[in-house]
Amino acid sequence: MKNWFTIERIDSDTFAISEYKHWEETHCYLLCGKEKAVLIDTGLGIGNIREAVDSLTSLPVMVMTTHVHWDHIGGHGYFGNIAVHETEKDWLSVRFPIPLQMVKNNLTCRPCELPEDFSIDDYQIFHGTPKKVFREGDCMDLGDRALKVIHTPGHSPGHCCFYEPDRKYLYSGDLIYRGCLDAFYPTTDPQQFFQSVRKVRALSVRRILPGHHQLYVPVTMIGTIEKGFEGLSNEGKLAQGNGIFDFGEFQIHI
């Protein structure tokens, strides 16, 4: 699984660790400070993301979880210091809300270049107790850089974006990206999703670092997505079961 991850440098001490060989095209982000490092999400759990992280830093690493969905917590088991929003703590430590077989089906439902030594039969969803629980407004100090928690529910109850005020980076998880924005699962809420997009639009953002697909997302896309949700809301369509609405660079599935 040596070549599973693609590592791209965002700046001198920030890296994207991506899984482009899978249809989900997940992105995790390593932020290195002077005293410690943060890894935002751990991806699908197909390859050993710890090896990728260790090739980039020797700092102690805390995993910050945007949300507890299978494609963002797959590599949590490689780390001892895990943090999650208080709303989704039990999804990690008590019961994941999606059956294992459904996760396996999602993992393999489209053609992709899975490593030869990967076994879907052995695949498990991470289960464990997080070391830290965070909430809206909490700030993680890495030594010379800080990361702020922005609670952005809608895609999931505890979904969070992370914001660096100094660099004006927004790590947007599954809230903002080029692709299909999902708010159709039982644990999602389209109205909350809309309000969360509106919430991050109020931030001063220089760069968006998304959870999936193309790494470059123009900052203007926050406003474009907000307008998409606003239009659906004004038309009375922002409710689950109404289907997929295509806006070109992104879709909204409700």
Protein backbone atom coordinates (compact mmCIF):
# COMPACT_ATOMS: atom_id res chain seq x y z
CA MET A 1 0.00 0.00 0.00
CA LYS A 2 3.11 2.19 -0.25
CA ASN A 3 1.78 4.33 -3.10
CA TRP A 4 -1.83 4.59 -1.95
CA PHE A 5 -1.57 8.16 -0.63
CA THR A 6 -0.64 11.26 -2.60
CA ILE A 7 1.10 13.93 -0.53
CA GLU A 8 0.84 17.55 -1.67
CA ARG A 9 2.41 20.56 0.05
CA ILE A 10 0.00 23.39 0.82
CA ASP A 11 2.72 25.53 2.40
CA SER A 12 5.97 24.88 4.27
CA ASP A 13 4.29 23.12 7.20
CA THR A 14 0.85 22.09 5.87
CA PHE A 15 0.25 19.00 3.76
CA ALA A 16 -2.70 17.34 2.01
CA ILE A 17 -2.68 13.53 2.23
CA SER A 18 -5.09 12.31 -0.44
CA GLU A 19 -6.62 9.06 -1.68
CA TYR A 20 -7.09 9.80 -5.38
CA LYS A 21 -7.18 6.12 -6.36
CA HIS A 22 -10.58 5.72 -4.71
CA TRP A 23 -13.77 7.28 -6.06
CA GLU A 24 -14.29 9.22 -2.82
CA GLU A 25 -10.99 11.09 -3.40
CA THR A 26 -10.67 11.91 0.29
CA HIS A 27 -8.29 14.55 1.64
CA CYS A 28 -6.72 14.61 5.08
CA TYR A 29 -4.55 17.50 6.24
CA LEU A 30 -1.41 17.55 8.36
CA LEU A 31 -0.72 20.83 10.14
CA CYS A 32 2.69 21.12 11.82
CA GLY A 33 3.33 23.68 14.54
CA LYS A 34 6.42 24.24 16.66
CA GLU A 35 5.24 21.98 19.48
CA LYS A 36 2.73 19.53 18.00
CA ALA A 37 0.88 18.58 14.84
CA VAL A 38 -2.77 18.08 13.97
CA LEU A 39 -4.06 15.60 11.42
CA ILE A 40 -7.51 16.54 10.19
CA ASP A 41 -9.30 13.23 9.48
CA THR A 42 -7.69 9.89 8.64
CA GLY A 43 -9.45 8.87 5.43
CA LEU A 44 -10.81 5.54 4.27
CA GLY A 45 -8.67 3.12 6.27
CA ILE A 46 -7.42 1.36 3.14
CA GLY A 47 -3.76 2.30 3.60
CA ASN A 48 -1.66 3.07 6.68
CA ILE A 49 -1.92 6.83 6.95
CA ARG A 50 0.38 6.80 9.99
CA GLU A 51 3.28 5.90 7.71
CA ALA A 52 2.51 8.91 5.51
CA VAL A 53 2.31 11.21 8.54
CA ASP A 54 5.55 9.87 10.04
CA SER A 55 7.33 10.57 6.76
CA LEU A 56 6.44 14.26 7.17
CA THR A 57 6.85 14.99 10.89
CA SER A 58 8.23 13.64 14.15
CA LEU A 59 5.98 15.91 16.23
CA PRO A 60 3.29 14.41 18.49
CA VAL A 61 0.07 14.21 16.48
CA MET A 62 -3.53 14.82 17.50
CA VAL A 63 -6.30 13.70 15.14
CA MET A 64 -9.08 16.27 14.74
CA THR A 65 -12.22 14.72 13.24
CA THR A 66 -14.43 16.82 10.96
CA HIS A 67 -17.20 14.25 11.45
CA VAL A 68 -17.60 10.58 12.29
CA HIS A 69 -18.34 9.10 8.86
CA TRP A 70 -16.56 5.96 7.67
CA ASP A 71 -14.51 7.76 5.01
CA HIS A 72 -13.06 10.21 7.53
CA ILE A 73 -12.21 7.91 10.46
CA GLY A 74 -10.79 4.90 8.62
CA GLY A 75 -7.26 5.41 9.91
CA HIS A 76 -8.09 6.53 13.46
CA GLY A 77 -6.81 3.24 14.84
CA TYR A 78 -3.23 4.21 13.94
CA PHE A 79 -3.31 7.09 16.44
CA GLY A 80 -3.78 7.30 20.19
CA ASN A 81 -4.75 10.96 20.51
CA ILE A 82 -8.13 11.47 18.84
CA ALA A 83 -10.55 14.39 19.19
CA VAL A 84 -14.18 14.58 18.06
CA HIS A 85 -17.13 16.95 18.47
CA GLU A 86 -19.16 16.19 21.59
CA THR A 87 -22.30 15.39 19.53
CA GLU A 88 -20.64 12.43 17.79
CA LYS A 89 -18.54 11.00 20.61
CA ASP A 90 -20.82 7.96 20.95
CA TRP A 91 -20.57 7.22 17.22
CA LEU A 92 -16.91 6.39 17.88
CA SER A 93 -17.10 4.80 21.30
CA VAL A 94 -20.56 3.17 21.44
CA ARG A 95 -22.17 2.50 18.05
CA PHE A 96 -21.43 3.69 14.52
CA PRO A 97 -24.77 4.66 12.88
CA ILE A 98 -24.24 2.69 9.63
CA PRO A 99 -23.95 -1.15 9.48
CA LEU A 100 -20.53 -2.54 8.57
CA GLN A 101 -21.82 -4.28 5.44
CA MET A 102 -23.27 -1.02 4.12
CA VAL A 103 -19.89 0.66 4.64
CA LYS A 104 -18.15 -2.19 2.79
CA ASN A 105 -20.65 -1.83 -0.06
CA ASN A 106 -19.95 1.91 -0.25
CA LEU A 107 -16.22 1.27 -0.21
CA THR A 108 -16.34 -1.01 -3.24
CA CYS A 109 -19.45 0.14 -5.13
CA ARG A 110 -17.48 1.85 -7.91
CA PRO A 111 -14.36 0.77 -9.80
CA CYS A 112 -11.14 1.95 -8.14
CA GLU A 113 -7.49 0.96 -7.83
CA LEU A 114 -7.53 -0.85 -4.49
CA PRO A 115 -4.13 -2.20 -3.38
CA GLU A 116 -3.57 -5.90 -4.07
CA ASP A 117 -2.99 -6.63 -0.38
CA PHE A 118 -6.19 -4.90 0.75
CA SER A 119 -8.91 -7.28 1.96
CA ILE A 120 -12.49 -6.03 2.16
CA ASP A 121 -13.31 -9.08 4.30
CA ASP A 122 -10.93 -7.83 7.00
CA TYR A 123 -12.11 -4.22 6.87
CA GLN A 124 -13.50 -2.86 10.14
CA ILE A 125 -14.96 0.48 11.21
CA PHE A 126 -12.87 2.19 13.87
CA HIS A 127 -14.25 1.81 17.37
CA GLY A 128 -12.67 3.56 20.35
CA THR A 129 -12.90 6.30 22.96
CA PRO A 130 -11.60 9.72 21.90
CA LYS A 131 -9.03 11.38 24.16
CA LYS A 132 -10.59 14.81 23.66
CA VAL A 133 -14.08 16.14 22.99
CA PHE A 134 -14.35 19.60 21.45
CA ARG A 135 -17.17 22.06 20.85
CA GLU A 136 -17.93 25.30 19.01
CA GLY A 137 -15.24 27.95 19.48
CA ASP A 138 -12.56 25.70 20.97
CA CYS A 139 -9.05 26.55 19.83
CA MET A 140 -6.13 24.12 19.43
CA ASP A 141 -2.69 25.67 20.00
CA LEU A 142 0.06 23.93 18.02
CA GLY A 143 2.75 26.37 19.04
CA ASP A 144 2.92 29.36 16.62
CA ARG A 145 -0.34 28.39 14.91
CA ALA A 146 -3.90 27.94 16.16
CA LEU A 147 -6.88 26.01 14.84
CA LYS A 148 -10.43 27.06 15.71
CA VAL A 149 -13.46 24.76 15.80
CA ILE A 150 -16.49 25.91 13.80
CA HIS A 151 -19.49 23.66 14.46
CA THR A 152 -21.26 23.24 11.11
CA PRO A 153 -24.02 20.62 11.46
CA GLY A 154 -26.18 19.45 8.58
CA HIS A 155 -24.14 16.78 6.83
CA SER A 156 -23.95 15.19 10.28
CA PRO A 157 -24.96 16.44 13.75
CA GLY A 158 -21.38 17.00 14.88
CA HIS A 159 -19.81 18.08 11.61
CA CYS A 160 -17.14 20.73 12.11
CA CYS A 161 -14.99 22.88 9.90
CA PHE A 162 -11.62 24.03 11.22
CA TYR A 163 -10.36 27.56 10.68
CA GLU A 164 -6.91 29.09 10.95
CA PRO A 165 -7.42 32.82 11.59
CA ASP A 166 -3.80 33.77 10.84
CA ARG A 167 -3.53 31.95 7.49
CA LYS A 168 -7.26 32.25 6.75
CA TYR A 169 -7.45 28.56 5.83
CA LEU A 170 -10.84 26.85 6.07
CA TYR A 171 -10.70 23.07 6.35
CA SER A 172 -14.23 22.51 5.14
CA GLY A 173 -14.77 18.75 5.52
CA ASP A 174 -17.97 17.73 3.73
CA LEU A 175 -19.57 21.17 3.91
CA ILE A 176 -17.85 22.80 0.92
CA TYR A 177 -16.32 20.96 -2.04
CA ARG A 178 -16.74 20.41 -5.78
CA GLY A 179 -19.11 17.46 -6.01
CA CYS A 180 -22.34 16.18 -4.52
CA LEU A 181 -23.17 17.69 -1.12
CA ASP A 182 -25.15 15.08 0.80
CA ALA A 183 -28.02 15.92 3.12
CA PHE A 184 -30.30 12.96 2.43
CA TYR A 185 -29.20 10.46 5.11
CA PRO A 186 -31.44 10.06 8.19
CA THR A 187 -28.78 11.75 10.35
CA THR A 188 -28.50 14.78 8.03
CA ASP A 189 -30.47 18.01 8.07
CA PRO A 190 -30.73 20.16 4.89
CA GLN A 191 -31.84 23.26 6.77
CA GLN A 192 -28.90 23.02 9.17
CA PHE A 193 -26.58 22.43 6.22
CA PHE A 194 -27.81 25.68 4.65
CA GLN A 195 -27.26 27.63 7.87
CA SER A 196 -23.78 26.14 8.29
CA VAL A 197 -22.78 27.28 4.79
CA ARG A 198 -24.07 30.74 5.67
CA LYS A 199 -22.06 30.62 8.90
CA VAL A 200 -18.69 29.95 7.22
CA ARG A 201 -19.36 32.58 4.54
CA ALA A 202 -19.03 35.17 7.31
CA LEU A 203 -15.41 34.11 7.88
CA SER A 204 -12.45 35.79 6.19
CA VAL A 205 -11.17 32.90 4.05
CA ARG A 206 -8.13 32.92 1.75
CA ARG A 207 -8.10 29.21 0.93
CA ILE A 208 -10.60 26.36 1.19
CA LEU A 209 -9.19 22.90 1.91
CA PRO A 210 -12.03 20.44 1.18
CA GLY A 211 -12.67 16.88 2.32
CA HIS A 212 -13.11 15.40 -1.18
CA HIS A 213 -12.32 15.65 -4.88
CA GLN A 214 -10.51 18.62 -6.42
CA LEU A 215 -8.07 20.17 -4.00
CA TYR A 216 -8.54 23.65 -5.47
CA VAL A 217 -11.88 25.20 -4.56
CA PRO A 218 -12.36 28.94 -5.20
CA VAL A 219 -13.38 30.90 -2.10
CA THR A 220 -16.33 32.29 -4.06
CA MET A 221 -17.83 28.81 -4.06
CA ILE A 222 -19.03 29.30 -0.48
CA GLY A 223 -21.37 32.05 -1.67
CA THR A 224 -22.39 30.04 -4.73
CA ILE A 225 -23.34 27.04 -2.59
CA GLU A 226 -25.20 29.32 -0.19
CA LYS A 227 -27.25 30.69 -3.09
CA GLY A 228 -28.05 27.16 -4.21
CA PHE A 229 -29.40 26.26 -0.78
CA GLU A 230 -31.22 29.59 -0.52
CA GLY A 231 -32.97 29.04 -3.84
CA LEU A 232 -34.14 25.57 -2.79
CA SER A 233 -35.33 26.95 0.54
CA ASN A 234 -37.25 29.79 -1.11
CA GLU A 235 -38.93 27.27 -3.44
CA GLY A 236 -39.93 25.04 -0.54
CA LYS A 237 -37.71 22.21 -1.80
CA LEU A 238 -35.12 22.10 0.98
CA ALA A 239 -36.44 18.92 2.55
CA GLN A 240 -35.27 15.33 2.42
CA GLY A 241 -36.65 13.18 -0.36
CA ASN A 242 -36.65 15.86 -3.07
CA GLY A 243 -33.70 14.34 -4.95
CA ILE A 244 -30.53 15.74 -6.51
CA PHE A 245 -30.27 19.32 -7.74
CA ASP A 246 -27.43 20.12 -10.15
CA PHE A 247 -25.69 23.50 -10.01
CA GLY A 248 -22.78 22.68 -12.31
CA GLU A 249 -19.68 22.57 -10.09
CA PHE A 250 -21.69 21.02 -7.25
CA GLN A 251 -24.91 19.17 -6.59
CA ILE A 252 -27.17 19.12 -3.53
CA HIS A 253 -28.67 15.74 -2.66
CA ILE A 254 -31.59 15.98 -0.26
